[in-house]
Every structure is written in C-alpha cells, then in structure tokens.
C-alpha cells in the first residue's frame, strides 16, 4: 500500500506534508458518528447508555448544567449564527455543510423535533430562546453539540476534527485498474462492533470523515479480488492511499482451434481447487476478475463439457482458451 497525506486548505489549494508511517496505534479508533433521529437516517438512542436520547446523548429535558436566566417568557425568535472550523484557530469551512437544529425534548412520537435546517456554510437562523441540539454534517463526518439561545445575537462555532480520505488501487506491478471494476468500503469500530461508514466508494472520490482509524476494503471485480488495510485519517488533512491487488482480468473462450473464433452459447463455470464455484456465465466471451491462484474452467456446450486448469498471476488482462479438439 502506498500512502501519503496532504494538508487540507479549503480556501486556496492543497499543500504537501510528510507521509505518515504505516504503524497503526490500535488505541486510536475513529469515533462513531453521533446518533441521529430516524428521519435523519438513524435513531435517537444513545450508543453508550441505551436510553432514549438525542445526538451525543442529549437528554429529553434541559441539561443539569449551571443555572441559566429564565427566558421562558420571551418567545420572539432571536438571531442565531452557526459556523464550523477544523481547528480552534483555523479557517471557517466555506461549503459542504448541512446544519440541523433539534429541540431537546422528544415529541409525541418519541423523536427529537427538527426545528431548523440550513445548507449554508455559515447558517443564519431565527430561534426562540431555549436549549437546542445542533448537528452538522460535512460529507460523512459529523459533529453535534448542545447550544442555548439567549435574547440578542447568538453565535456558535463547532470545531470539527475532520479529515479527508481519497483511495485508489492498482494491480501489483503498477498495472492500472479500470475504474468501473474498483470499489471501496470504509468501516469504523463502534461499541457494538464494526460500523459501516461508506460502501461502494469510487476510486479517487474525496470522502470527508471524522478523524480516527478506519478499516478499508478494496474490491476489484465481484469475485474474490479483495484487499484490506487500516488507515488513519488525521484532522485537517487529506490522506491519499493506493492499495495493491494481486489479481487479473480473465476472459474465457471455447474454440475449435488455437486462436479460432469463440463459440457462442457456452455455459461457463469457474471452480477453485477445493471445488467451490466462484463464477458462472453464458456466452462466447465471458470475463471476470480473479485473485492469484489456480482454477478450473468448465465449458458446457450442449451435452458436452470441456475443461481446463489454469493459473492466474497478478498483471495485465489475459485470455483462457479451451480447445474442443482436445477431447
């Protein structure tokens, strides 16, 4: 796996920074995204306590913090400005944010009521005085916090520990992989086991994630060419990684002579040495991707079945011909 990191500068450009080492600190795990109401793609249940709560464990009523002035008699909406930074003194994130503000009390359905939403990088809202839960999403990165709206202008800034991840893959030997045959899955560790963060991510797609360590699965084709690794996403940086596949594209042909015309309407099966069927298709030119190893190809034409053992090595696409004249 080839790994490098780039400093994330939202306003101007990308600047290079030294690559991080490959050793992974197992005590550093990516945070589980905060719980979300069902209408936002999640549940209102805390991952830690199991009680009905809002994002980041906010309870149904006001928190037990220091006494605040009683503004219950003021119902007029007050101006609220929400923004996000990558660090305490870093620049404001200029775009790509989705803000949602929830009441801290559940409604009759047991869900936290959504009271405001904005897709502006700096959200300008109007809310009556009181306690709320603000949630902001930046790609697949999330953060949430409790805020209290008081009479007069209110300004709240969330500091995001968020980074970026861009993945690619090649066949060992630096052989390119067609983009339509390559996908990535991203996982994080949660209190109840592995959590799926993103699936079917395309090569070179920039994914924004909370800082932490993620498990990455690279899938080349749909059969058995799979590579897994772990990567650390650092706050304020884009981590770029290239994973290497030990596999190759394989095309099958049933012919009556070497280099002859492929015979149509053939039923194809590929098996492992253990007898497991891993691929089947019908046609003259079936193709698939296989990991390095030994295989058996079976070609059924009418009542006749032809076969050939073959080996796959990592590299460029190859053809496997089965001759009918051998039998």
Protein backbone atom coordinates (compact mmCIF):
# COMPACT_ATOMS: atom_id res chain seq x y z
CA UNK A 1 0.00 0.00 0.00
CA UNK A 2 1.27 3.44 -0.92
CA UNK A 3 0.25 6.22 1.47
CA UNK A 4 0.72 9.97 1.55
CA UNK A 5 -1.00 12.89 3.26
CA UNK A 6 -1.82 16.37 2.06
CA UNK A 7 -2.60 19.42 4.15
CA UNK A 8 -6.24 20.35 3.74
CA UNK A 9 -6.62 24.04 2.81
CA UNK A 10 -10.20 24.75 1.95
CA UNK A 11 -9.82 28.23 0.54
CA UNK A 12 -6.68 28.15 -1.57
CA UNK A 13 -5.10 24.84 -2.58
CA UNK A 14 -3.60 21.58 -1.40
CA UNK A 15 -0.10 21.61 0.06
CA UNK A 16 2.05 18.55 0.61
CA UNK A 17 3.04 17.32 4.07
CA UNK A 18 5.23 14.38 5.09
CA UNK A 19 3.62 10.95 4.77
CA UNK A 20 2.55 9.23 7.95
CA UNK A 21 4.09 5.89 8.89
CA UNK A 22 2.29 2.61 8.40
CA UNK A 23 2.25 1.62 12.08
CA UNK A 24 -1.27 1.94 13.49
CA UNK A 25 -1.95 2.84 17.10
CA UNK A 26 -4.71 0.39 17.98
CA UNK A 27 -5.94 2.63 20.81
CA UNK A 28 -6.96 5.32 18.32
CA UNK A 29 -10.23 4.43 16.69
CA UNK A 30 -12.44 6.57 14.55
CA UNK A 31 -15.36 7.97 16.54
CA UNK A 32 -18.76 6.51 15.86
CA UNK A 33 -20.99 9.13 14.25
CA UNK A 34 -23.33 10.66 16.84
CA UNK A 35 -26.86 9.21 16.96
CA UNK A 36 -29.42 10.90 14.74
CA UNK A 37 -33.24 10.95 14.71
CA UNK A 38 -34.92 8.37 12.49
CA UNK A 39 -35.95 10.95 9.89
CA UNK A 40 -32.24 11.80 9.51
CA UNK A 41 -31.23 8.23 8.79
CA UNK A 42 -30.58 6.99 12.33
CA UNK A 43 -32.18 6.59 15.74
CA UNK A 44 -32.49 8.81 18.79
CA UNK A 45 -30.89 6.21 21.04
CA UNK A 46 -27.54 6.68 22.71
CA UNK A 47 -24.90 4.14 21.71
CA UNK A 48 -23.47 4.18 25.24
CA UNK A 49 -26.40 4.10 27.64
CA UNK A 50 -29.27 2.61 25.66
CA UNK A 51 -31.60 5.36 26.93
CA UNK A 52 -33.71 7.48 24.61
CA UNK A 53 -31.55 10.49 23.97
CA UNK A 54 -30.66 12.93 21.27
CA UNK A 55 -27.38 13.33 19.40
CA UNK A 56 -24.32 12.94 21.65
CA UNK A 57 -26.53 11.69 24.44
CA UNK A 58 -28.55 14.86 24.98
CA UNK A 59 -31.46 14.08 27.31
CA UNK A 60 -35.14 14.85 26.86
CA UNK A 61 -35.02 17.87 29.08
CA UNK A 62 -32.56 20.71 29.82
CA UNK A 63 -29.16 19.50 30.97
CA UNK A 64 -28.11 19.76 34.57
CA UNK A 65 -25.55 22.47 34.00
CA UNK A 66 -25.23 25.80 35.80
CA UNK A 67 -28.41 27.76 36.35
CA UNK A 68 -29.30 29.95 33.39
CA UNK A 69 -31.56 33.02 33.30
CA UNK A 70 -35.21 32.20 32.78
CA UNK A 71 -36.20 33.41 29.31
CA UNK A 72 -39.37 31.32 29.12
CA UNK A 73 -41.44 34.46 28.85
CA UNK A 74 -39.66 35.50 25.66
CA UNK A 75 -41.00 33.73 22.61
CA UNK A 76 -39.81 36.02 19.83
CA UNK A 77 -37.18 34.35 17.56
CA UNK A 78 -33.61 35.54 18.12
CA UNK A 79 -30.80 35.64 15.51
CA UNK A 80 -28.51 32.61 15.60
CA UNK A 81 -25.33 32.20 13.54
CA UNK A 82 -23.69 28.78 13.22
CA UNK A 83 -20.25 28.07 11.74
CA UNK A 84 -17.60 25.35 11.78
CA UNK A 85 -13.81 25.25 11.85
CA UNK A 86 -11.28 22.43 11.52
CA UNK A 87 -9.26 23.72 14.48
CA UNK A 88 -9.77 26.30 17.20
CA UNK A 89 -7.88 28.95 15.24
CA UNK A 90 -8.34 27.51 11.74
CA UNK A 91 -10.35 28.95 8.86
CA UNK A 92 -14.10 28.57 8.68
CA UNK A 93 -15.24 25.69 6.46
CA UNK A 94 -16.57 27.52 3.39
CA UNK A 95 -19.02 25.00 1.91
CA UNK A 96 -20.42 21.47 2.04
CA UNK A 97 -22.03 21.77 5.47
CA UNK A 98 -25.56 20.71 6.39
CA UNK A 99 -26.90 22.10 9.67
CA UNK A 100 -29.85 20.69 11.61
CA UNK A 101 -31.16 22.04 14.90
CA UNK A 102 -33.36 19.89 17.14
CA UNK A 103 -35.43 20.55 20.21
CA UNK A 104 -34.02 18.77 23.28
CA UNK A 105 -37.41 17.30 24.12
CA UNK A 106 -38.98 14.47 22.18
CA UNK A 107 -42.39 14.91 20.58
CA UNK A 108 -45.39 12.60 20.88
CA UNK A 109 -43.75 10.10 18.53
CA UNK A 110 -40.64 9.88 20.71
CA UNK A 111 -38.42 11.67 18.19
CA UNK A 112 -36.45 14.86 18.58
CA UNK A 113 -38.28 17.57 16.69
CA UNK A 114 -36.33 19.23 13.86
CA UNK A 115 -36.77 22.97 14.29
CA UNK A 116 -34.34 24.37 11.70
CA UNK A 117 -32.15 23.29 8.81
CA UNK A 118 -29.58 25.10 6.66
CA UNK A 119 -27.11 24.11 3.94
CA UNK A 120 -25.20 27.39 4.17
CA UNK A 121 -21.62 27.16 5.40
CA UNK A 122 -22.46 29.93 7.88
CA UNK A 123 -26.05 29.28 8.88
CA UNK A 124 -28.25 32.23 9.84
CA UNK A 125 -31.30 31.08 11.82
CA UNK A 126 -34.02 32.54 13.99
CA UNK A 127 -34.92 30.58 17.14
CA UNK A 128 -36.81 31.40 20.34
CA UNK A 129 -34.67 31.43 23.50
CA UNK A 130 -34.06 27.98 24.93
CA UNK A 131 -31.89 24.89 24.72
CA UNK A 132 -31.29 23.06 21.43
CA UNK A 133 -29.09 20.39 19.89
CA UNK A 134 -27.20 21.44 16.79
CA UNK A 135 -25.91 18.79 14.40
CA UNK A 136 -23.66 19.45 11.42
CA UNK A 137 -22.66 17.04 8.67
CA UNK A 138 -19.71 17.53 6.35
CA UNK A 139 -19.74 14.65 3.89
CA UNK A 140 -19.66 11.58 6.13
CA UNK A 141 -18.12 13.50 9.02
CA UNK A 142 -20.48 14.61 11.78
CA UNK A 143 -20.45 16.68 14.93
CA UNK A 144 -23.11 17.76 17.38
CA UNK A 145 -23.36 19.94 20.45
CA UNK A 146 -25.87 21.47 22.81
CA UNK A 147 -26.49 25.20 22.48
CA UNK A 148 -28.51 27.72 24.46
CA UNK A 149 -30.19 30.59 22.63
CA UNK A 150 -30.49 33.81 24.61
CA UNK A 151 -32.11 37.15 23.75
CA UNK A 152 -29.97 39.07 21.28
CA UNK A 153 -27.45 37.84 18.72
CA UNK A 154 -26.18 34.28 19.27
CA UNK A 155 -23.04 32.88 17.66
CA UNK A 156 -21.98 29.23 17.93
CA UNK A 157 -18.96 27.59 16.30
CA UNK A 158 -18.27 23.85 16.15
CA UNK A 159 -14.67 22.71 15.88
CA UNK A 160 -14.57 19.70 13.55
CA UNK A 161 -11.88 17.05 13.94
CA UNK A 162 -12.37 16.07 10.32
CA UNK A 163 -10.03 14.97 7.57
CA UNK A 164 -10.30 13.67 4.05
CA UNK A 165 -9.64 10.26 2.51
CA UNK A 166 -9.01 9.54 -1.16
CA UNK A 167 -8.47 5.91 -2.21
CA UNK A 168 -7.14 4.26 -5.33
CA UNK A 169 -5.77 0.85 -6.26
CA UNK A 170 -3.52 -0.79 -8.83
CA UNK A 171 -2.55 -4.33 -9.72
CA UNK A 172 0.86 -5.32 -8.36
CA UNK A 173 3.41 -4.11 -10.87
CA UNK A 174 1.61 -0.79 -11.27
CA UNK A 175 -0.94 -2.12 -13.75
CA UNK A 176 -3.96 0.24 -13.87
CA UNK A 177 -7.41 -0.99 -12.81
CA UNK A 178 -10.48 0.15 -14.78
CA UNK A 179 -12.48 2.48 -12.54
CA UNK A 180 -15.74 0.64 -13.19
CA UNK A 181 -14.26 -2.55 -11.68
CA UNK A 182 -12.99 -0.93 -8.47
CA UNK A 183 -14.89 -0.04 -5.31
CA UNK A 184 -14.03 0.61 -1.66
CA UNK A 185 -15.85 0.05 1.63
CA UNK A 186 -14.98 2.02 4.78
CA UNK A 187 -15.63 0.80 8.33
CA UNK A 188 -15.16 2.15 11.84
CA UNK A 189 -15.15 0.44 15.24
CA UNK A 190 -18.16 1.08 17.47
CA UNK A 191 -19.18 -0.08 20.96
CA UNK A 192 -21.17 -2.91 19.40
CA UNK A 193 -18.64 -3.90 16.75
CA UNK A 194 -17.78 -2.73 13.29
CA UNK A 195 -19.84 0.10 11.83
CA UNK A 196 -20.22 0.67 8.09
CA UNK A 197 -19.26 4.26 7.29
CA UNK A 198 -19.40 4.16 3.47
CA UNK A 199 -19.91 1.49 0.81
CA UNK A 200 -19.20 1.34 -2.93
CA UNK A 201 -16.92 4.37 -2.82
CA UNK A 202 -15.42 5.09 -6.24
CA UNK A 203 -11.68 5.38 -6.78
CA UNK A 204 -10.29 8.89 -6.22
CA UNK A 205 -13.52 10.13 -4.63
CA UNK A 206 -12.80 12.51 -1.76
CA UNK A 207 -14.56 11.37 1.43
CA UNK A 208 -14.75 13.65 4.47
CA UNK A 209 -14.56 11.68 7.72
CA UNK A 210 -14.15 12.27 11.42
CA UNK A 211 -10.50 11.89 12.40
CA UNK A 212 -9.54 8.39 13.50
CA UNK A 213 -8.60 4.94 12.23
CA UNK A 214 -10.71 3.17 9.63
CA UNK A 215 -10.72 -0.31 8.13
CA UNK A 216 -10.64 -0.20 4.32
CA UNK A 217 -11.73 -2.94 1.91
CA UNK A 218 -10.76 -2.68 -1.76
CA UNK A 219 -12.84 -4.80 -4.16
CA UNK A 220 -11.56 -5.43 -7.70
CA UNK A 221 -14.38 -7.03 -9.66
CA UNK A 222 -17.09 -9.03 -7.90
CA UNK A 223 -15.49 -12.43 -7.21
CA UNK A 224 -12.50 -12.82 -4.89
CA UNK A 225 -10.00 -9.99 -5.52
CA UNK A 226 -10.17 -8.24 -2.15
CA UNK A 227 -7.54 -6.28 -0.21
CA UNK A 228 -7.98 -4.99 3.34
CA UNK A 229 -5.98 -2.49 5.36
CA UNK A 230 -6.27 0.14 8.08
CA UNK A 231 -5.69 3.84 7.60
CA UNK A 232 -5.52 6.79 9.93
CA UNK A 233 -7.40 9.96 8.95
CA UNK A 234 -5.79 13.00 10.53
CA UNK A 235 -7.76 16.18 11.31
CA UNK A 236 -7.20 18.92 8.77
CA UNK A 237 -5.50 16.66 6.24
CA UNK A 238 -6.35 14.60 3.20
CA UNK A 239 -4.90 11.10 3.31
CA UNK A 240 -4.34 9.52 -0.09
CA UNK A 241 -3.68 5.77 -0.29
CA UNK A 242 -3.09 3.33 -3.13
CA UNK A 243 -3.85 -0.32 -2.39
CA UNK A 244 -2.32 -3.10 -4.48
CA UNK A 245 -4.33 -6.02 -5.81
CA UNK A 246 -2.78 -9.40 -6.63
CA UNK A 247 -5.28 -10.25 -9.35
CA UNK A 248 -6.00 -10.04 -13.07
CA UNK A 249 -8.87 -9.79 -15.51
CA UNK A 250 -9.60 -13.09 -17.22
CA UNK A 251 -11.59 -13.67 -20.44
CA UNK A 252 -12.79 -17.15 -21.42
CA UNK A 253 -13.15 -18.62 -24.93
CA UNK A 254 -14.19 -22.02 -26.22
CA UNK A 255 -12.61 -22.60 -29.63
CA UNK A 256 -12.16 -25.47 -32.05
CA UNK A 257 -8.53 -24.48 -32.80
CA UNK A 258 -5.85 -22.24 -31.33
CA UNK A 259 -6.80 -18.62 -31.87
CA UNK A 260 -10.07 -19.67 -33.53
CA UNK A 261 -13.43 -17.96 -33.38
CA UNK A 262 -15.15 -18.15 -29.99
CA UNK A 263 -18.14 -20.49 -29.88
CA UNK A 264 -21.42 -18.92 -28.76
CA UNK A 265 -23.99 -20.04 -26.17
CA UNK A 266 -21.48 -21.76 -23.90
CA UNK A 267 -22.31 -22.32 -20.21
CA UNK A 268 -19.23 -21.36 -18.20
CA UNK A 269 -18.21 -22.25 -14.67
CA UNK A 270 -15.01 -21.48 -12.77
CA UNK A 271 -14.12 -23.52 -9.69
CA UNK A 272 -11.38 -23.33 -7.07
CA UNK A 273 -9.15 -26.37 -6.38
CA UNK A 274 -11.46 -27.08 -3.43
CA UNK A 275 -14.42 -27.42 -5.81
CA UNK A 276 -16.13 -24.13 -4.91
CA UNK A 277 -17.94 -22.45 -7.79
CA UNK A 278 -16.97 -18.77 -7.83
CA UNK A 279 -18.11 -17.68 -11.30
CA UNK A 280 -20.73 -18.70 -13.87
CA UNK A 281 -21.97 -17.12 -17.08
CA UNK A 282 -23.38 -17.92 -20.53
CA UNK A 283 -21.90 -16.56 -23.75
CA UNK A 284 -18.97 -16.54 -26.13
CA UNK A 285 -16.72 -14.06 -24.29
CA UNK A 286 -17.39 -14.11 -20.52
CA UNK A 287 -14.92 -12.14 -18.45
CA UNK A 288 -14.26 -11.70 -14.75
CA UNK A 289 -11.55 -10.73 -12.26
CA UNK A 290 -9.75 -13.41 -10.24
CA UNK A 291 -7.22 -13.26 -7.44
CA UNK A 292 -3.89 -15.01 -7.89
CA UNK A 293 -4.24 -18.76 -7.71
CA UNK A 294 -5.21 -21.98 -9.51
CA UNK A 295 -8.62 -22.53 -11.07
CA UNK A 296 -10.62 -24.95 -13.17
CA UNK A 297 -12.72 -23.63 -16.07
CA UNK A 298 -15.66 -25.72 -17.32
CA UNK A 299 -17.34 -25.00 -20.65
CA UNK A 300 -20.63 -26.81 -21.34
CA UNK A 301 -21.84 -26.87 -24.95
CA UNK A 302 -24.96 -28.98 -25.41
CA UNK A 303 -24.27 -32.33 -23.77
CA UNK A 304 -20.51 -31.91 -23.89
CA UNK A 305 -18.42 -30.43 -21.10
CA UNK A 306 -14.86 -29.21 -21.75
CA UNK A 307 -12.45 -28.15 -19.03
CA UNK A 308 -9.05 -26.67 -18.44
CA UNK A 309 -6.96 -25.94 -15.40
CA UNK A 310 -5.28 -22.53 -15.41
CA UNK A 311 -3.30 -20.23 -13.15
CA UNK A 312 -3.85 -16.54 -12.53
CA UNK A 313 -0.92 -14.24 -11.76
CA UNK A 314 -1.19 -10.55 -10.97
CA UNK A 315 -0.84 -8.49 -14.10
CA UNK A 316 -2.50 -7.42 -17.32
CA UNK A 317 -5.72 -8.99 -18.66
CA UNK A 318 -5.35 -12.46 -20.16
CA UNK A 319 -7.42 -14.95 -22.15
CA UNK A 320 -8.04 -18.58 -21.28
CA UNK A 321 -8.89 -20.77 -24.27
CA UNK A 322 -10.39 -24.22 -24.10
CA UNK A 323 -10.00 -26.37 -27.20
CA UNK A 324 -12.80 -28.70 -28.22
CA UNK A 325 -10.38 -30.72 -30.33
CA UNK A 326 -8.51 -31.88 -27.24
CA UNK A 327 -11.44 -34.04 -26.23
